[in-house]
N, C-alpha and C. Protein backbone atom coordinates (compact mmCIF):
# COMPACT_ATOMS: atom_id res chain seq x y z
N UNK A 1 0.47 -1.77 -0.30
CA UNK A 1 0.36 -0.04 -0.24
C UNK A 1 0.37 1.18 -0.45
N UNK A 2 2.23 1.24 1.09
CA UNK A 2 3.11 2.58 0.26
C UNK A 2 3.29 3.00 -0.81
N UNK A 3 3.17 1.75 -2.08
CA UNK A 3 3.86 2.00 -3.29
C UNK A 3 2.70 2.63 -3.90
N UNK A 4 1.65 2.51 -3.02
CA UNK A 4 1.13 3.22 -4.71
C UNK A 4 0.54 4.41 -3.82
N UNK A 5 0.61 4.71 -1.63
CA UNK A 5 0.62 6.40 -1.64
C UNK A 5 2.38 7.22 -2.51
N UNK A 6 3.25 6.68 -2.96
CA UNK A 6 4.51 7.01 -3.21
C UNK A 6 4.21 7.16 -4.98
N UNK A 7 3.81 6.44 -5.58
CA UNK A 7 3.53 6.71 -6.77
C UNK A 7 2.74 7.22 -6.84
N UNK A 8 1.34 8.15 -6.09
CA UNK A 8 0.32 10.09 -6.66
C UNK A 8 1.43 10.44 -6.29
N UNK A 9 2.42 10.87 -5.01
CA UNK A 9 2.98 11.54 -5.08
C UNK A 9 4.17 12.40 -5.73
N UNK A 10 4.92 10.70 -6.97
CA UNK A 10 5.09 11.00 -7.64
C UNK A 10 5.36 11.91 -8.92
N UNK A 11 3.38 10.63 -8.94
CA UNK A 11 2.55 11.37 -10.10
C UNK A 11 2.32 13.31 -9.75
N UNK A 12 2.17 13.28 -8.04
CA UNK A 12 1.47 14.47 -8.87
C UNK A 12 2.84 15.11 -8.71
N UNK A 13 4.69 15.39 -8.52
CA UNK A 13 5.57 15.57 -8.30
C UNK A 13 6.09 16.14 -10.62
N UNK A 14 5.74 14.96 -10.89
CA UNK A 14 5.76 15.07 -12.81
C UNK A 14 4.97 16.04 -13.48
N UNK A 15 3.86 16.18 -13.03
CA UNK A 15 3.25 16.68 -13.67
C UNK A 15 2.90 18.63 -12.99
N UNK A 16 3.35 18.46 -11.43
CA UNK A 16 3.75 20.01 -11.57
C UNK A 16 5.18 20.50 -12.50
N UNK A 17 5.80 19.66 -12.15
CA UNK A 17 7.00 20.00 -13.07
C UNK A 17 7.11 19.85 -14.78
N UNK A 18 5.65 19.63 -15.25
CA UNK A 18 5.97 19.81 -16.63
C UNK A 18 4.69 21.29 -16.53
N UNK A 19 4.05 21.47 -15.38
CA UNK A 19 4.16 22.78 -16.16
C UNK A 19 2.30 23.02 -16.21
N UNK A 20 1.44 23.82 -15.75
CA UNK A 20 0.60 24.43 -15.29
C UNK A 20 -1.23 24.92 -15.97
N UNK A 21 -2.03 23.98 -15.86
CA UNK A 21 -3.05 25.02 -16.35
C UNK A 21 -3.62 26.81 -16.32
N UNK A 22 -4.11 27.07 -17.43
CA UNK A 22 -5.18 27.86 -16.28
C UNK A 22 -6.91 27.73 -15.54
N UNK A 23 -6.50 28.57 -14.52
CA UNK A 23 -7.63 27.96 -13.76
C UNK A 23 -8.85 28.21 -13.92
N UNK A 24 -9.98 28.56 -13.71
CA UNK A 24 -10.99 29.22 -13.28
C UNK A 24 -12.27 29.04 -12.23
N UNK A 25 -13.74 28.43 -13.35
CA UNK A 25 -13.85 28.07 -12.19
C UNK A 25 -13.83 26.91 -11.61
N UNK A 26 -13.79 26.31 -10.70
CA UNK A 26 -13.61 25.16 -10.16
C UNK A 26 -15.36 24.21 -10.53
N UNK A 27 -14.89 23.04 -10.61
CA UNK A 27 -16.27 22.15 -11.16
C UNK A 27 -16.62 21.05 -9.22
N UNK A 28 -17.50 20.70 -8.58
CA UNK A 28 -18.03 19.39 -8.58
C UNK A 28 -17.00 18.59 -9.33
N UNK A 29 -17.03 17.05 -9.75
CA UNK A 29 -16.33 15.83 -9.84
C UNK A 29 -16.86 15.57 -8.98
N UNK A 30 -17.60 13.83 -9.52
CA UNK A 30 -18.26 12.92 -7.97
C UNK A 30 -18.55 11.33 -9.98
N UNK A 31 -17.60 10.30 -8.59
CA UNK A 31 -16.68 9.53 -8.84
C UNK A 31 -17.76 8.39 -7.89
N UNK A 32 -18.43 8.46 -8.63
CA UNK A 32 -19.30 7.23 -8.80
C UNK A 32 -18.78 6.21 -7.98
N UNK A 33 -17.89 4.83 -9.01
CA UNK A 33 -17.40 4.04 -8.43
C UNK A 33 -15.54 4.37 -7.09
N UNK A 34 -15.51 5.58 -7.09
CA UNK A 34 -14.83 5.74 -6.10
C UNK A 34 -15.93 6.56 -4.47
N UNK A 35 -17.27 6.35 -5.09
CA UNK A 35 -18.09 6.61 -4.27
C UNK A 35 -17.50 8.35 -3.30
N UNK A 36 -17.26 8.93 -4.12
CA UNK A 36 -17.33 10.21 -3.18
C UNK A 36 -17.57 11.86 -4.35
N UNK A 37 -17.10 12.63 -4.18
CA UNK A 37 -17.00 13.88 -4.67
C UNK A 37 -16.68 14.97 -3.99
N UNK A 38 -16.28 15.49 -4.76
CA UNK A 38 -15.02 17.61 -4.67
C UNK A 38 -14.63 18.21 -5.39
N UNK A 39 -14.69 18.98 -5.34
CA UNK A 39 -14.81 20.47 -5.78
C UNK A 39 -13.07 20.57 -6.48
N UNK A 40 -13.11 20.33 -8.10
CA UNK A 40 -11.80 20.09 -8.78
C UNK A 40 -11.41 22.02 -9.65
N UNK A 41 -10.68 22.61 -9.68
CA UNK A 41 -10.12 23.95 -10.30
C UNK A 41 -11.07 23.36 -11.80
N UNK A 42 -10.70 22.37 -12.18
CA UNK A 42 -11.49 21.36 -13.78
C UNK A 42 -11.55 20.23 -13.32
N UNK A 43 -12.15 19.72 -14.42
CA UNK A 43 -12.77 18.12 -14.78
C UNK A 43 -10.83 17.82 -15.41
N UNK A 44 -11.12 16.89 -13.73
CA UNK A 44 -9.67 16.06 -13.43
C UNK A 44 -9.73 14.71 -13.90
N UNK A 45 -8.19 14.87 -14.83
CA UNK A 45 -7.26 12.95 -15.94
C UNK A 45 -7.45 12.24 -14.63
N UNK A 46 -8.18 11.04 -15.33
CA UNK A 46 -8.02 8.96 -14.56
C UNK A 46 -7.27 8.76 -15.29
N UNK A 47 -6.39 7.80 -14.06
CA UNK A 47 -5.72 6.93 -13.90
C UNK A 47 -5.86 6.37 -13.13
N UNK A 48 -5.35 5.15 -13.05
CA UNK A 48 -5.51 4.24 -12.12
C UNK A 48 -3.96 3.09 -13.08
N UNK A 49 -3.20 2.38 -11.31
CA UNK A 49 -2.53 1.78 -11.14
C UNK A 49 -2.75 0.60 -11.32
N UNK A 50 -1.22 -0.71 -11.03
CA UNK A 50 -1.62 -1.84 -10.13
C UNK A 50 -0.32 -1.47 -9.61
N UNK A 51 -0.49 -1.86 -8.10
CA UNK A 51 0.90 -1.71 -7.07
C UNK A 51 0.56 -2.93 -6.39
N UNK A 52 1.44 -2.86 -4.71
CA UNK A 52 1.80 -4.37 -4.33
C UNK A 52 1.02 -3.86 -2.26
N UNK A 53 0.59 -4.20 -1.56
CA UNK A 53 0.78 -3.96 -0.29
C UNK A 53 1.75 -4.06 0.31
N UNK A 54 2.11 -3.61 1.41
CA UNK A 54 3.06 -4.12 1.95
C UNK A 54 3.79 -5.48 2.24
N UNK A 55 2.51 -6.31 1.99
CA UNK A 55 2.60 -7.88 2.15
C UNK A 55 2.60 -8.60 0.62
N UNK A 56 3.05 -8.15 -0.46
CA UNK A 56 2.63 -8.27 -1.64
C UNK A 56 1.72 -8.71 -2.09
N UNK A 57 0.72 -8.00 -2.30
CA UNK A 57 -1.12 -8.34 -3.11
C UNK A 57 -1.32 -7.00 -3.82
N UNK A 58 -1.33 -8.09 -4.86
CA UNK A 58 -1.88 -6.65 -5.64
C UNK A 58 -3.07 -6.50 -6.18
N UNK A 59 -3.30 -4.43 -5.69
CA UNK A 59 -4.55 -4.14 -5.68
C UNK A 59 -4.29 -2.94 -6.58
N UNK A 60 -5.61 -2.60 -6.86
CA UNK A 60 -5.41 -0.97 -7.73
C UNK A 60 -5.55 0.31 -7.16
N UNK A 61 -5.17 0.84 -7.01
CA UNK A 61 -4.84 1.93 -7.22
C UNK A 61 -5.90 3.01 -7.81
N UNK A 62 -6.90 4.59 -7.49
CA UNK A 62 -7.76 4.82 -8.38
C UNK A 62 -7.50 6.60 -8.82
N UNK A 63 -7.04 6.98 -9.47
CA UNK A 63 -6.65 9.05 -8.79
C UNK A 63 -7.78 9.58 -10.92
N UNK A 64 -7.76 10.86 -10.23
CA UNK A 64 -8.25 12.33 -11.02
C UNK A 64 -6.84 12.87 -10.29
N UNK A 65 -7.07 13.32 -11.17
CA UNK A 65 -5.98 15.18 -10.97
C UNK A 65 -5.91 16.16 -11.81
N UNK A 66 -6.02 17.47 -11.04
CA UNK A 66 -6.36 18.20 -11.74
C UNK A 66 -5.60 19.92 -11.35
N UNK A 67 -5.05 20.32 -12.81
CA UNK A 67 -4.57 21.78 -11.79
C UNK A 67 -5.11 22.71 -11.82
N UNK A 68 -3.71 23.73 -11.60
CA UNK A 68 -5.19 25.42 -12.05
C UNK A 68 -3.45 25.92 -11.96
N UNK A 69 -3.05 27.28 -12.36
CA UNK A 69 -1.99 27.47 -12.76
C UNK A 69 -0.92 27.31 -12.21
N UNK A 70 -1.35 26.85 -10.85
CA UNK A 70 0.10 27.31 -9.19
C UNK A 70 0.07 25.93 -8.60
N UNK A 71 -0.86 25.07 -9.14
CA UNK A 71 -0.79 23.41 -8.34
C UNK A 71 -1.29 22.66 -8.66
N UNK A 72 -1.27 21.62 -8.15
CA UNK A 72 -2.04 19.66 -8.58
C UNK A 72 -2.62 19.32 -7.32
N UNK A 73 -4.09 19.03 -7.88
CA UNK A 73 -5.67 18.48 -6.68
C UNK A 73 -4.81 16.64 -7.25
N UNK A 74 -4.47 16.43 -5.90
CA UNK A 74 -5.78 15.21 -6.93
C UNK A 74 -6.22 14.22 -5.66
N UNK A 75 -7.37 13.53 -5.84
CA UNK A 75 -7.52 12.57 -4.88
C UNK A 75 -7.41 10.77 -5.61
N UNK A 76 -6.87 10.04 -4.98
CA UNK A 76 -6.82 9.11 -4.90
C UNK A 76 -7.33 7.55 -4.09
N UNK A 77 -7.36 6.66 -4.02
CA UNK A 77 -7.89 5.47 -3.37
C UNK A 77 -8.03 4.73 -3.64
N UNK A 78 -7.87 3.45 -2.98
CA UNK A 78 -7.75 2.00 -3.38
C UNK A 78 -8.41 1.30 -1.99
N UNK A 79 -9.08 0.04 -1.87
CA UNK A 79 -9.69 -0.54 -1.67
C UNK A 79 -8.91 -1.77 -1.18
N UNK A 80 -8.77 -1.60 0.58
CA UNK A 80 -8.32 -1.92 2.12
C UNK A 80 -8.32 -3.82 1.36
N UNK A 81 -7.08 -4.27 0.70
CA UNK A 81 -7.33 -5.92 1.43
C UNK A 81 -7.79 -6.59 1.60
N UNK A 82 -9.00 -8.33 1.66
CA UNK A 82 -9.52 -8.45 2.68
C UNK A 82 -8.66 -9.36 3.66
N UNK A 83 -8.86 -9.19 5.55
CA UNK A 83 -8.00 -10.37 6.05
C UNK A 83 -6.73 -8.95 6.10
N UNK A 84 -6.68 -7.55 5.92
CA UNK A 84 -5.41 -7.09 5.84
C UNK A 84 -6.24 -5.78 7.37
N UNK A 85 -4.88 -5.04 7.89
CA UNK A 85 -5.30 -3.85 8.87
C UNK A 85 -4.75 -2.83 7.98
N UNK A 86 -5.74 -1.64 8.32
CA UNK A 86 -4.63 -0.05 7.44
C UNK A 86 -4.07 0.36 8.62
N UNK A 87 -2.96 1.15 7.74
CA UNK A 87 -2.26 2.32 9.32
C UNK A 87 -2.15 2.94 9.12
N UNK A 88 -2.77 3.92 9.31
CA UNK A 88 -2.61 5.67 8.82
C UNK A 88 -0.59 6.53 9.05
N UNK A 89 -0.53 5.68 10.60
CA UNK A 89 0.79 5.96 10.40
C UNK A 89 1.55 5.71 9.76
N UNK A 90 1.21 4.03 9.26
CA UNK A 90 2.92 4.01 8.22
C UNK A 90 2.64 3.67 6.71
N UNK A 91 0.73 4.80 6.46
CA UNK A 91 0.61 5.46 5.19
C UNK A 91 1.47 7.02 5.47
N UNK A 92 1.65 7.71 6.26
CA UNK A 92 1.66 8.86 6.24
C UNK A 92 3.98 8.28 6.26
N UNK A 93 4.34 7.33 7.02
CA UNK A 93 5.86 7.25 6.85
C UNK A 93 5.86 6.78 5.85
N UNK A 94 5.06 5.97 4.66
CA UNK A 94 5.82 5.44 3.42
C UNK A 94 5.41 6.37 2.83
N UNK A 95 4.61 7.44 2.76
CA UNK A 95 4.76 8.58 2.38
C UNK A 95 6.27 9.68 2.12
N UNK A 96 6.35 10.28 3.65
CA UNK A 96 7.52 10.53 3.58
C UNK A 96 8.76 10.20 3.41
N UNK A 97 8.79 8.67 3.32
CA UNK A 97 10.33 8.13 3.62
C UNK A 97 10.63 7.94 2.38
N UNK A 98 9.52 6.90 0.54
CA UNK A 98 9.84 7.05 -0.26
C UNK A 98 10.44 8.18 -0.77
N UNK A 99 9.63 9.30 -0.66
CA UNK A 99 9.92 11.27 -1.28
C UNK A 99 11.78 11.56 -1.38
N UNK A 100 11.89 10.81 0.41
CA UNK A 100 12.50 11.82 0.86
C UNK A 100 12.07 12.88 1.94
N UNK A 101 10.80 13.00 1.82
CA UNK A 101 10.45 13.95 2.13
C UNK A 101 10.40 14.77 3.54
N UNK A 102 10.13 15.59 4.83
CA UNK A 102 10.09 16.23 5.05
C UNK A 102 9.17 16.74 6.09
N UNK A 103 8.09 15.45 7.18
CA UNK A 103 6.73 15.80 7.85
C UNK A 103 7.12 17.34 9.16
N UNK A 104 6.65 18.74 7.89
CA UNK A 104 6.15 19.71 8.89
C UNK A 104 5.58 19.91 9.46
N UNK A 105 4.74 19.27 9.85
CA UNK A 105 3.56 18.84 10.94
C UNK A 105 2.52 17.54 11.04
N UNK A 106 1.38 17.64 12.06
CA UNK A 106 0.12 16.64 11.15
C UNK A 106 -1.04 16.41 12.32
N UNK A 107 -1.70 15.87 11.52
CA UNK A 107 -3.43 16.48 13.15
C UNK A 107 -3.96 15.91 12.24
N UNK A 108 -4.16 14.26 13.09
CA UNK A 108 -5.37 13.41 13.57
C UNK A 108 -6.63 14.39 13.30
N UNK A 109 -7.95 14.57 12.16
CA UNK A 109 -8.80 15.05 11.56
C UNK A 109 -9.69 13.76 11.35
N UNK A 110 -10.94 13.61 11.09
CA UNK A 110 -12.02 12.44 10.56
C UNK A 110 -12.93 13.16 9.88
N UNK A 111 -13.38 12.00 9.32
CA UNK A 111 -14.91 12.63 7.81
C UNK A 111 -15.42 11.76 8.52
N UNK A 112 -16.59 12.46 8.71
CA UNK A 112 -17.89 10.85 8.74
C UNK A 112 -17.07 10.28 9.82
N UNK A 113 -16.93 10.47 11.32
CA UNK A 113 -16.17 10.44 12.53
C UNK A 113 -15.72 9.39 11.76
N UNK A 114 -15.17 9.04 10.75
CA UNK A 114 -14.37 8.05 10.47
C UNK A 114 -11.84 8.05 10.36
N UNK A 115 -11.65 8.02 10.85
CA UNK A 115 -10.48 9.04 10.59
C UNK A 115 -9.20 9.17 9.82
N UNK A 116 -8.79 9.94 10.35
CA UNK A 116 -8.00 10.10 9.11
C UNK A 116 -6.62 10.69 10.36
N UNK A 117 -5.61 11.57 8.85
CA UNK A 117 -4.43 12.44 9.22
C UNK A 117 -4.18 13.38 8.18
N UNK A 118 -3.64 14.91 8.23
CA UNK A 118 -3.87 15.85 7.88
C UNK A 118 -2.30 16.24 7.36
N UNK A 119 -1.15 16.22 6.52
CA UNK A 119 -0.33 16.60 6.68
C UNK A 119 -0.13 17.14 5.94
N UNK A 120 1.25 18.45 6.51
CA UNK A 120 1.92 18.96 5.21
C UNK A 120 3.59 18.50 5.23
N UNK A 121 4.00 18.09 4.11
CA UNK A 121 5.71 17.49 3.79
C UNK A 121 6.24 18.49 2.79
N UNK A 122 7.75 19.29 3.30
CA UNK A 122 8.08 19.42 1.76
C UNK A 122 9.05 17.89 1.26
N UNK A 123 9.26 18.75 -0.18
CA UNK A 123 8.78 16.88 -0.62
C UNK A 123 10.50 17.88 -2.04
N UNK A 124 10.96 17.21 -2.24
CA UNK A 124 12.79 18.34 -2.47
C UNK A 124 13.45 17.05 -3.52
N UNK A 125 13.74 18.46 -5.04
CA UNK A 125 13.50 17.11 -6.70
C UNK A 125 15.58 17.48 -6.25
N UNK A 126 15.66 17.27 -7.72
CA UNK A 126 16.71 18.03 -8.39
C UNK A 126 16.55 19.51 -8.58
N UNK A 127 15.49 19.88 -8.65
CA UNK A 127 15.29 20.80 -9.54
C UNK A 127 14.02 21.95 -8.45
N UNK A 128 13.33 21.16 -7.99
CA UNK A 128 12.64 21.92 -6.96
C UNK A 128 11.85 21.20 -5.41
N UNK A 129 11.72 22.58 -5.55
CA UNK A 129 11.65 22.24 -3.77
C UNK A 129 9.78 22.68 -3.41
N UNK A 130 9.12 21.27 -2.80
CA UNK A 130 7.28 21.82 -2.78
C UNK A 130 6.81 21.20 -1.64
N UNK A 131 5.53 22.25 -1.82
CA UNK A 131 4.31 21.48 0.00
C UNK A 131 4.00 21.24 -0.85
N UNK A 132 3.65 19.47 0.05
CA UNK A 132 2.54 18.95 0.07
C UNK A 132 1.70 18.53 1.02
N UNK A 133 -0.17 19.38 1.03
CA UNK A 133 -1.00 19.01 1.73
C UNK A 133 -1.55 17.76 1.12
N UNK A 134 -1.84 17.32 2.29
CA UNK A 134 -2.12 16.38 2.27
C UNK A 134 -3.71 14.85 3.37
N UNK A 135 -4.46 14.77 3.39
CA UNK A 135 -5.19 14.05 4.37
C UNK A 135 -5.00 13.07 3.87
N UNK A 136 -4.68 11.79 4.93
CA UNK A 136 -5.96 10.04 3.92
C UNK A 136 -6.47 9.57 5.08
N UNK A 137 -7.82 9.02 4.76
CA UNK A 137 -9.18 8.73 5.29
C UNK A 137 -8.37 7.24 4.92
N UNK A 138 -9.61 6.49 6.10
CA UNK A 138 -10.19 5.38 6.17
C UNK A 138 -11.62 4.81 7.09
N UNK A 139 -11.95 4.13 5.14
CA UNK A 139 -13.83 4.73 5.11
C UNK A 139 -13.77 3.30 4.63
N UNK A 140 -14.40 2.56 5.63
CA UNK A 140 -15.51 1.92 5.44
C UNK A 140 -14.98 0.85 3.57
N UNK A 141 -13.84 0.80 4.43
CA UNK A 141 -13.04 -0.70 3.74
C UNK A 141 -11.66 0.10 2.80
N UNK A 142 -11.80 1.03 2.92
CA UNK A 142 -10.83 2.30 1.74
C UNK A 142 -10.48 3.70 1.96
N UNK A 143 -9.17 3.53 1.62
CA UNK A 143 -8.30 4.30 1.62
C UNK A 143 -8.42 5.54 1.15
N UNK A 144 -8.65 6.43 1.33
CA UNK A 144 -8.10 7.78 0.22
C UNK A 144 -7.61 8.60 0.49
N UNK A 145 -7.32 9.17 0.04
CA UNK A 145 -5.81 10.21 -0.23
C UNK A 145 -5.85 11.90 -1.17
N UNK A 146 -6.01 12.74 -0.50
CA UNK A 146 -6.50 14.12 -1.61
C UNK A 146 -4.68 14.34 -0.52
N UNK A 147 -4.80 15.05 -1.67
CA UNK A 147 -3.54 15.80 -2.24
C UNK A 147 -2.70 16.96 -2.98
N UNK A 148 -2.64 18.05 -2.61
CA UNK A 148 -2.51 20.02 -3.40
C UNK A 148 -0.50 19.93 -3.15
N UNK A 149 -0.35 19.86 -4.38
CA UNK A 149 0.85 19.77 -4.33
C UNK A 149 1.37 21.21 -4.76
N UNK A 150 2.35 22.12 -4.20
CA UNK A 150 2.65 23.21 -4.96
C UNK A 150 3.96 23.55 -4.69
N UNK A 151 4.48 24.35 -5.69
CA UNK A 151 5.84 24.97 -4.92
C UNK A 151 5.89 25.70 -3.43
N UNK A 152 6.48 25.88 -3.11
CA UNK A 152 7.49 25.94 -1.72
C UNK A 152 7.32 27.63 -1.57
N UNK A 153 7.82 28.11 -2.70
CA UNK A 153 8.11 29.69 -2.95
C UNK A 153 6.44 30.20 -3.28
N UNK A 154 5.44 29.21 -3.27
CA UNK A 154 4.19 29.64 -3.34
C UNK A 154 3.03 29.43 -2.32
N UNK A 155 3.96 28.93 -1.31
CA UNK A 155 3.11 28.85 0.34
C UNK A 155 2.30 30.07 0.70
N UNK A 156 1.69 30.66 0.41
CA UNK A 156 0.72 31.89 0.56
C UNK A 156 -0.59 31.43 1.50
N UNK A 157 -1.07 32.94 2.26
CA UNK A 157 -3.05 32.22 2.69
C UNK A 157 -3.87 32.31 1.81
N UNK A 158 -3.13 32.97 -0.07
CA UNK A 158 -4.64 32.22 -0.59
C UNK A 158 -4.16 30.76 -1.29
N UNK A 159 -2.60 30.09 -1.18
CA UNK A 159 -2.51 28.96 -1.13
C UNK A 159 -3.01 28.32 -0.23
N UNK A 160 -3.26 28.46 1.10
CA UNK A 160 -3.43 27.99 2.32
C UNK A 160 -5.85 27.83 1.89
N UNK A 161 -6.30 29.21 1.48
CA UNK A 161 -7.27 28.62 1.52
C UNK A 161 -7.77 27.76 0.77
N UNK A 162 -7.00 28.47 -1.16
CA UNK A 162 -7.47 26.49 -1.83
C UNK A 162 -7.44 25.50 -0.91
N UNK A 163 -6.29 25.56 -0.15
CA UNK A 163 -6.46 23.80 0.16
C UNK A 163 -7.19 23.44 0.97
N UNK A 164 -7.79 24.37 1.69
CA UNK A 164 -9.10 24.22 2.30
C UNK A 164 -10.55 24.20 1.82
N UNK A 165 -10.34 25.63 0.43
CA UNK A 165 -11.58 24.24 -0.17
C UNK A 165 -11.70 23.52 -0.97
N UNK A 166 -10.67 23.41 -1.16
CA UNK A 166 -10.38 21.26 -1.65
C UNK A 166 -10.93 20.77 -0.74
N UNK A 167 -10.43 19.76 0.41
CA UNK A 167 -10.23 19.25 1.62
C UNK A 167 -11.26 19.74 2.20
N UNK A 168 -12.28 20.35 2.14
CA UNK A 168 -14.09 20.94 2.46
C UNK A 168 -14.58 20.42 1.45
N UNK A 169 -14.38 20.26 0.62
CA UNK A 169 -15.62 19.73 -0.48
C UNK A 169 -15.35 18.66 -0.62
N UNK A 170 -14.29 17.98 0.26
CA UNK A 170 -14.72 16.18 0.14
C UNK A 170 -15.09 14.97 0.29
N UNK A 171 -16.39 14.82 0.38
CA UNK A 171 -17.11 13.75 0.65
C UNK A 171 -17.40 12.82 0.24
N UNK A 172 -18.37 11.63 0.67
CA UNK A 172 -18.21 10.68 0.54
C UNK A 172 -19.30 9.76 0.68
N UNK A 173 -19.70 9.17 0.18
CA UNK A 173 -21.20 8.23 -0.06
C UNK A 173 -20.89 7.34 0.07
N UNK A 174 -22.21 6.87 1.14
CA UNK A 174 -22.66 5.44 1.98
C UNK A 174 -22.37 4.09 1.07
N UNK A 175 -21.97 3.30 1.45
CA UNK A 175 -22.31 1.83 0.53
C UNK A 175 -23.81 1.86 0.45
N UNK A 176 -24.65 1.09 0.25
CA UNK A 176 -26.33 0.51 0.84
C UNK A 176 -25.64 -0.80 0.12
């Protein structure tokens, strides 16, 4: 599971390094399969990838990614494999270790009574330094990862407001 979260972050870094699109009005994106909705600056690009869990079992991670003029937004999710337990702490540690990031802050959060973590991580590549504000949730056998990634030099109250808009818009629908 760590590999899939890391892949999400690396995909985000690659997207930022390749440029941004113009911003406009945000749109509500709803994923019936993912059982969630979120506001994004544009219709997202969808992708999926096979990954391996910490015990080597295959799992598929699904991602919706959108950019605006100065940042990237990503919602990723995967289902927890039967007879396994997901650890938010290990998920956090896996992200940080894989990208050789530095955890700046962490806070326990919840969504509809489900546990989560909010993270602020610095990520350095050879040419760039980024801030990643993220949230991890475990909800009904599924792990959700929200990421807002942007150049560290762009960190501001306006960027904090964009992160809050994205995070606050995220809603999960329950299984029927």
